[in-house]
Amino acid sequence: MNNETIKKAQDNMEKSISVFEKNLGSIRAGVANAALLDGVQVEYYGAPTPLTQMSSVTIPEPRVLLITPYDQNSVDDIEHALLASNLGLTPANDGKVIRLVIPQLTGERRQEIAKEVNKIAEEGKIAVRNVRRDAMNSLKKQQKDDEITEDEQRNLEKEVQKVTDQATKKIDELADKKRKEITQG
């Protein structure tokens, strides 16, 4: 069955998974991850500029992010932006580069972060289920408007459910992987 509704649902579910992955990347797991800096905006010549567009970010050690600005004059601006962000990390500025050291997580903090992963995973699954609901409603409308038969509707609904199950499984797998990363540190 090649129905436009199925394709659209699949595309929207993949977008939901991408958003979920982006949200997971912003969770600090006790290891250096350049995605932590994705949301940091630096006031650069009067305009908010994403940090990742004005510097290179490398990971020289497992728990260190090294930020090398393309413009050496922006080091202080970047440092101020990092302090103002909600990362909870203190930048070390040597005048040329900025180091962010990711602290080791305590057992209690690991549990809190694992709960946060669960919450984000549930939000991802809700987004997928909303896409499924919209697809099912669209199929009902198509059947009502005599665009498809009842049998086609039933078969397409099974297909939508299959796509939904796959998307939910993918979210669960990504969440499990992140939880392991956090708890094993």
C-alpha atoms as a PDB file:
ATOM      1  CA  MET A   1       0.000   0.000   0.000  1.00  0.00           C
ATOM      2  CA  ASN A   2       1.517   3.272  -1.017  1.00  0.00           C
ATOM      3  CA  ASN A   3      -0.730   5.877   0.520  1.00  0.00           C
ATOM      4  CA  GLU A   4       0.348   9.515   0.940  1.00  0.00           C
ATOM      5  CA  THR A   5      -0.967   9.463   4.537  1.00  0.00           C
ATOM      6  CA  ILE A   6       1.441   6.657   5.480  1.00  0.00           C
ATOM      7  CA  LYS A   7       4.393   8.495   3.900  1.00  0.00           C
ATOM      8  CA  LYS A   8       3.505  11.733   5.658  1.00  0.00           C
ATOM      9  CA  ALA A   9       3.104   9.929   9.003  1.00  0.00           C
ATOM     10  CA  GLN A  10       6.449   8.205   8.521  1.00  0.00           C
ATOM     11  CA  ASP A  11       8.193  11.506   7.727  1.00  0.00           C
ATOM     12  CA  ASN A  12       6.637  13.233  10.738  1.00  0.00           C
ATOM     13  CA  MET A  13       7.580  10.356  13.035  1.00  0.00           C
ATOM     14  CA  GLU A  14      11.173  10.530  11.785  1.00  0.00           C
ATOM     15  CA  LYS A  15      11.175  14.269  12.551  1.00  0.00           C
ATOM     16  CA  SER A  16       9.891  13.501  16.071  1.00  0.00           C
ATOM     17  CA  ILE A  17      12.737  11.008  16.535  1.00  0.00           C
ATOM     18  CA  SER A  18      15.258  13.614  15.300  1.00  0.00           C
ATOM     19  CA  VAL A  19      13.971  16.154  17.821  1.00  0.00           C
ATOM     20  CA  PHE A  20      14.179  13.479  20.538  1.00  0.00           C
ATOM     21  CA  GLU A  21      17.805  12.702  19.556  1.00  0.00           C
ATOM     22  CA  LYS A  22      18.672  16.417  19.636  1.00  0.00           C
ATOM     23  CA  ASN A  23      17.119  16.718  23.106  1.00  0.00           C
ATOM     24  CA  LEU A  24      19.069  13.663  24.283  1.00  0.00           C
ATOM     25  CA  GLY A  25      22.296  15.191  22.993  1.00  0.00           C
ATOM     26  CA  SER A  26      21.810  18.228  25.203  1.00  0.00           C
ATOM     27  CA  ILE A  27      21.731  16.104  28.365  1.00  0.00           C
ATOM     28  CA  ARG A  28      25.041  16.149  30.177  1.00  0.00           C
ATOM     29  CA  ALA A  29      26.130  12.580  30.888  1.00  0.00           C
ATOM     30  CA  GLY A  30      29.508  13.154  32.526  1.00  0.00           C
ATOM     31  CA  VAL A  31      31.336  12.890  29.216  1.00  0.00           C
ATOM     32  CA  ALA A  32      32.274  15.663  26.802  1.00  0.00           C
ATOM     33  CA  ASN A  33      29.783  16.062  23.980  1.00  0.00           C
ATOM     34  CA  ALA A  34      29.883  18.984  21.533  1.00  0.00           C
ATOM     35  CA  ALA A  35      26.057  18.888  21.319  1.00  0.00           C
ATOM     36  CA  LEU A  36      26.013  20.453  24.810  1.00  0.00           C
ATOM     37  CA  LEU A  37      26.942  23.743  23.169  1.00  0.00           C
ATOM     38  CA  ASP A  38      24.288  23.693  20.416  1.00  0.00           C
ATOM     39  CA  GLY A  39      21.973  26.097  22.256  1.00  0.00           C
ATOM     40  CA  VAL A  40      24.648  28.606  23.333  1.00  0.00           C
ATOM     41  CA  GLN A  41      24.283  32.025  21.665  1.00  0.00           C
ATOM     42  CA  VAL A  42      27.147  34.537  21.781  1.00  0.00           C
ATOM     43  CA  GLU A  43      26.581  38.292  21.481  1.00  0.00           C
ATOM     44  CA  TYR A  44      28.931  38.954  18.551  1.00  0.00           C
ATOM     45  CA  TYR A  45      29.046  42.468  17.098  1.00  0.00           C
ATOM     46  CA  GLY A  46      25.582  43.130  18.468  1.00  0.00           C
ATOM     47  CA  ALA A  47      23.953  40.010  17.021  1.00  0.00           C
ATOM     48  CA  PRO A  48      23.275  36.709  18.816  1.00  0.00           C
ATOM     49  CA  THR A  49      25.370  34.083  17.010  1.00  0.00           C
ATOM     50  CA  PRO A  50      25.465  30.328  17.671  1.00  0.00           C
ATOM     51  CA  LEU A  51      28.726  29.399  19.389  1.00  0.00           C
ATOM     52  CA  THR A  52      29.222  26.509  16.971  1.00  0.00           C
ATOM     53  CA  GLN A  53      29.349  28.983  14.040  1.00  0.00           C
ATOM     54  CA  MET A  54      32.111  31.104  15.501  1.00  0.00           C
ATOM     55  CA  SER A  55      34.463  28.490  16.910  1.00  0.00           C
ATOM     56  CA  SER A  56      35.671  24.944  16.513  1.00  0.00           C
ATOM     57  CA  VAL A  57      34.800  22.555  19.323  1.00  0.00           C
ATOM     58  CA  THR A  58      37.063  19.577  19.932  1.00  0.00           C
ATOM     59  CA  ILE A  59      37.236  16.896  22.603  1.00  0.00           C
ATOM     60  CA  PRO A  60      40.909  16.406  23.538  1.00  0.00           C
ATOM     61  CA  GLU A  61      40.040  14.273  26.590  1.00  0.00           C
ATOM     62  CA  PRO A  62      36.907  12.297  27.513  1.00  0.00           C
ATOM     63  CA  ARG A  63      35.651  15.001  29.893  1.00  0.00           C
ATOM     64  CA  VAL A  64      37.009  18.182  28.275  1.00  0.00           C
ATOM     65  CA  LEU A  65      35.543  20.401  25.545  1.00  0.00           C
ATOM     66  CA  LEU A  66      38.067  22.689  23.883  1.00  0.00           C
ATOM     67  CA  ILE A  67      36.555  25.760  22.214  1.00  0.00           C
ATOM     68  CA  THR A  68      38.836  27.556  19.741  1.00  0.00           C
ATOM     69  CA  PRO A  69      37.295  30.800  18.426  1.00  0.00           C
ATOM     70  CA  TYR A  70      37.858  31.683  14.766  1.00  0.00           C
ATOM     71  CA  ASP A  71      38.215  35.313  15.874  1.00  0.00           C
ATOM     72  CA  GLN A  72      40.574  35.616  18.867  1.00  0.00           C
ATOM     73  CA  ASN A  73      38.852  38.885  19.883  1.00  0.00           C
ATOM     74  CA  SER A  74      35.661  36.957  20.678  1.00  0.00           C
ATOM     75  CA  VAL A  75      37.154  34.778  23.453  1.00  0.00           C
ATOM     76  CA  ASP A  76      35.739  36.986  26.231  1.00  0.00           C
ATOM     77  CA  ASP A  77      32.319  37.169  24.539  1.00  0.00           C
ATOM     78  CA  ILE A  78      32.230  33.376  24.303  1.00  0.00           C
ATOM     79  CA  GLU A  79      33.231  33.037  27.948  1.00  0.00           C
ATOM     80  CA  HIS A  80      30.420  35.409  29.009  1.00  0.00           C
ATOM     81  CA  ALA A  81      27.897  33.462  26.913  1.00  0.00           C
ATOM     82  CA  LEU A  82      28.998  30.174  28.511  1.00  0.00           C
ATOM     83  CA  LEU A  83      28.686  31.655  32.006  1.00  0.00           C
ATOM     84  CA  ALA A  84      25.210  33.022  31.140  1.00  0.00           C
ATOM     85  CA  SER A  85      24.040  29.704  29.662  1.00  0.00           C
ATOM     86  CA  ASN A  86      22.355  27.114  31.858  1.00  0.00           C
ATOM     87  CA  LEU A  87      25.123  24.540  31.332  1.00  0.00           C
ATOM     88  CA  GLY A  88      26.321  24.817  34.916  1.00  0.00           C
ATOM     89  CA  LEU A  89      29.958  24.638  33.767  1.00  0.00           C
ATOM     90  CA  THR A  90      32.716  27.144  34.496  1.00  0.00           C
ATOM     91  CA  PRO A  91      34.842  27.973  31.449  1.00  0.00           C
ATOM     92  CA  ALA A  92      38.624  28.223  31.770  1.00  0.00           C
ATOM     93  CA  ASN A  93      39.869  30.990  29.456  1.00  0.00           C
ATOM     94  CA  ASP A  94      43.590  31.218  28.660  1.00  0.00           C
ATOM     95  CA  GLY A  95      43.184  34.101  26.181  1.00  0.00           C
ATOM     96  CA  LYS A  96      43.288  31.892  23.086  1.00  0.00           C
ATOM     97  CA  VAL A  97      41.023  28.927  23.816  1.00  0.00           C
ATOM     98  CA  ILE A  98      38.349  28.049  26.350  1.00  0.00           C
ATOM     99  CA  ARG A  99      38.250  24.739  28.180  1.00  0.00           C
ATOM    100  CA  LEU A 100      35.082  23.302  29.663  1.00  0.00           C
ATOM    101  CA  VAL A 101      35.695  20.458  32.079  1.00  0.00           C
ATOM    102  CA  ILE A 102      32.689  18.179  32.558  1.00  0.00           C
ATOM    103  CA  PRO A 103      32.589  17.116  36.222  1.00  0.00           C
ATOM    104  CA  GLN A 104      32.220  13.471  37.235  1.00  0.00           C
ATOM    105  CA  LEU A 105      28.583  12.705  38.090  1.00  0.00           C
ATOM    106  CA  THR A 106      27.510  11.457  41.499  1.00  0.00           C
ATOM    107  CA  GLY A 107      25.269   8.396  41.749  1.00  0.00           C
ATOM    108  CA  GLU A 108      22.325  10.553  42.812  1.00  0.00           C
ATOM    109  CA  ARG A 109      22.813  12.954  39.915  1.00  0.00           C
ATOM    110  CA  ARG A 110      23.020  10.004  37.493  1.00  0.00           C
ATOM    111  CA  GLN A 111      19.595   8.840  38.698  1.00  0.00           C
ATOM    112  CA  GLU A 112      18.138  12.337  38.226  1.00  0.00           C
ATOM    113  CA  ILE A 113      19.505  12.508  34.677  1.00  0.00           C
ATOM    114  CA  ALA A 114      18.167   9.015  33.893  1.00  0.00           C
ATOM    115  CA  LYS A 115      14.710  10.241  34.992  1.00  0.00           C
ATOM    116  CA  GLU A 116      15.123  13.239  32.690  1.00  0.00           C
ATOM    117  CA  VAL A 117      15.895  10.840  29.821  1.00  0.00           C
ATOM    118  CA  ASN A 118      12.672   8.943  30.630  1.00  0.00           C
ATOM    119  CA  LYS A 119      10.692  12.201  30.536  1.00  0.00           C
ATOM    120  CA  ILE A 120      12.168  13.234  27.179  1.00  0.00           C
ATOM    121  CA  ALA A 121      11.532   9.720  25.796  1.00  0.00           C
ATOM    122  CA  GLU A 122       7.892   9.916  26.869  1.00  0.00           C
ATOM    123  CA  GLU A 123       7.550  13.314  25.157  1.00  0.00           C
ATOM    124  CA  GLY A 124       9.002  11.766  21.987  1.00  0.00           C
ATOM    125  CA  LYS A 125       6.525   8.876  22.147  1.00  0.00           C
ATOM    126  CA  ILE A 126       3.639  11.302  22.677  1.00  0.00           C
ATOM    127  CA  ALA A 127       4.720  13.196  19.542  1.00  0.00           C
ATOM    128  CA  VAL A 128       4.764   9.894  17.600  1.00  0.00           C
ATOM    129  CA  ARG A 129       1.322   8.926  18.923  1.00  0.00           C
ATOM    130  CA  ASN A 130      -0.041  12.342  17.898  1.00  0.00           C
ATOM    131  CA  VAL A 131       1.227  11.712  14.372  1.00  0.00           C
ATOM    132  CA  ARG A 132      -0.484   8.291  14.430  1.00  0.00           C
ATOM    133  CA  ARG A 133      -3.762   9.868  15.578  1.00  0.00           C
ATOM    134  CA  ASP A 134      -3.630  12.443  12.770  1.00  0.00           C
ATOM    135  CA  ALA A 135      -2.905   9.702  10.206  1.00  0.00           C
ATOM    136  CA  MET A 136      -5.796   7.559  11.478  1.00  0.00           C
ATOM    137  CA  ASN A 137      -8.165  10.549  11.311  1.00  0.00           C
ATOM    138  CA  SER A 138      -6.994  11.276   7.780  1.00  0.00           C
ATOM    139  CA  LEU A 139      -7.673   7.662   6.738  1.00  0.00           C
ATOM    140  CA  LYS A 140     -11.174   7.787   8.263  1.00  0.00           C
ATOM    141  CA  LYS A 141     -11.870  10.982   6.344  1.00  0.00           C
ATOM    142  CA  GLN A 142     -10.583   9.424   3.098  1.00  0.00           C
ATOM    143  CA  GLN A 143     -12.861   6.434   3.612  1.00  0.00           C
ATOM    144  CA  LYS A 144     -15.816   8.691   4.439  1.00  0.00           C
ATOM    145  CA  ASP A 145     -15.151  10.711   1.270  1.00  0.00           C
ATOM    146  CA  ASP A 146     -15.059   7.441  -0.742  1.00  0.00           C
ATOM    147  CA  GLU A 147     -11.401   7.929  -1.672  1.00  0.00           C
ATOM    148  CA  ILE A 148     -10.546   4.502  -0.222  1.00  0.00           C
ATOM    149  CA  THR A 149     -12.612   1.420   0.676  1.00  0.00           C
ATOM    150  CA  GLU A 150     -13.177   0.137   4.223  1.00  0.00           C
ATOM    151  CA  ASP A 151     -10.779  -2.742   3.566  1.00  0.00           C
ATOM    152  CA  GLU A 152      -8.107  -0.344   2.330  1.00  0.00           C
ATOM    153  CA  GLN A 153      -8.694   1.814   5.401  1.00  0.00           C
ATOM    154  CA  ARG A 154      -8.203  -1.175   7.734  1.00  0.00           C
ATOM    155  CA  ASN A 155      -5.035  -2.250   5.924  1.00  0.00           C
ATOM    156  CA  LEU A 156      -3.638   1.287   5.940  1.00  0.00           C
ATOM    157  CA  GLU A 157      -4.436   1.650   9.652  1.00  0.00           C
ATOM    158  CA  LYS A 158      -2.437  -1.541  10.288  1.00  0.00           C
ATOM    159  CA  GLU A 159       0.422  -0.027   8.291  1.00  0.00           C
ATOM    160  CA  VAL A 160       0.249   3.207  10.340  1.00  0.00           C
ATOM    161  CA  GLN A 161       0.360   1.132  13.533  1.00  0.00           C
ATOM    162  CA  LYS A 162       3.389  -0.777  12.237  1.00  0.00           C
ATOM    163  CA  VAL A 163       5.226   2.482  11.487  1.00  0.00           C
ATOM    164  CA  THR A 164       4.244   3.809  14.937  1.00  0.00           C
ATOM    165  CA  ASP A 165       5.571   0.677  16.656  1.00  0.00           C
ATOM    166  CA  GLN A 166       8.877   1.015  14.790  1.00  0.00           C
ATOM    167  CA  ALA A 167       9.235   4.685  15.788  1.00  0.00           C
ATOM    168  CA  THR A 168       8.409   3.930  19.434  1.00  0.00           C
ATOM    169  CA  LYS A 169      10.914   1.068  19.467  1.00  0.00           C
ATOM    170  CA  LYS A 170      13.603   3.388  18.053  1.00  0.00           C
ATOM    171  CA  ILE A 171      12.924   5.960  20.804  1.00  0.00           C
ATOM    172  CA  ASP A 172      13.138   3.223  23.464  1.00  0.00           C
ATOM    173  CA  GLU A 173      16.456   1.975  22.039  1.00  0.00           C
ATOM    174  CA  LEU A 174      17.964   5.479  21.975  1.00  0.00           C
ATOM    175  CA  ALA A 175      16.754   6.168  25.526  1.00  0.00           C
ATOM    176  CA  ASP A 176      18.183   2.848  26.786  1.00  0.00           C
ATOM    177  CA  LYS A 177      21.543   3.647  25.173  1.00  0.00           C
ATOM    178  CA  LYS A 178      21.608   7.107  26.802  1.00  0.00           C
ATOM    179  CA  ARG A 179      20.604   5.680  30.218  1.00  0.00           C
ATOM    180  CA  LYS A 180      23.465   3.158  30.014  1.00  0.00           C
ATOM    181  CA  GLU A 181      25.875   5.946  29.065  1.00  0.00           C
ATOM    182  CA  ILE A 182      24.721   7.938  32.104  1.00  0.00           C
ATOM    183  CA  THR A 183      24.645   5.159  34.693  1.00  0.00           C
ATOM    184  CA  GLN A 184      27.953   3.623  33.651  1.00  0.00           C
ATOM    185  CA  GLY A 185      29.655   6.998  33.172  1.00  0.00           C
END
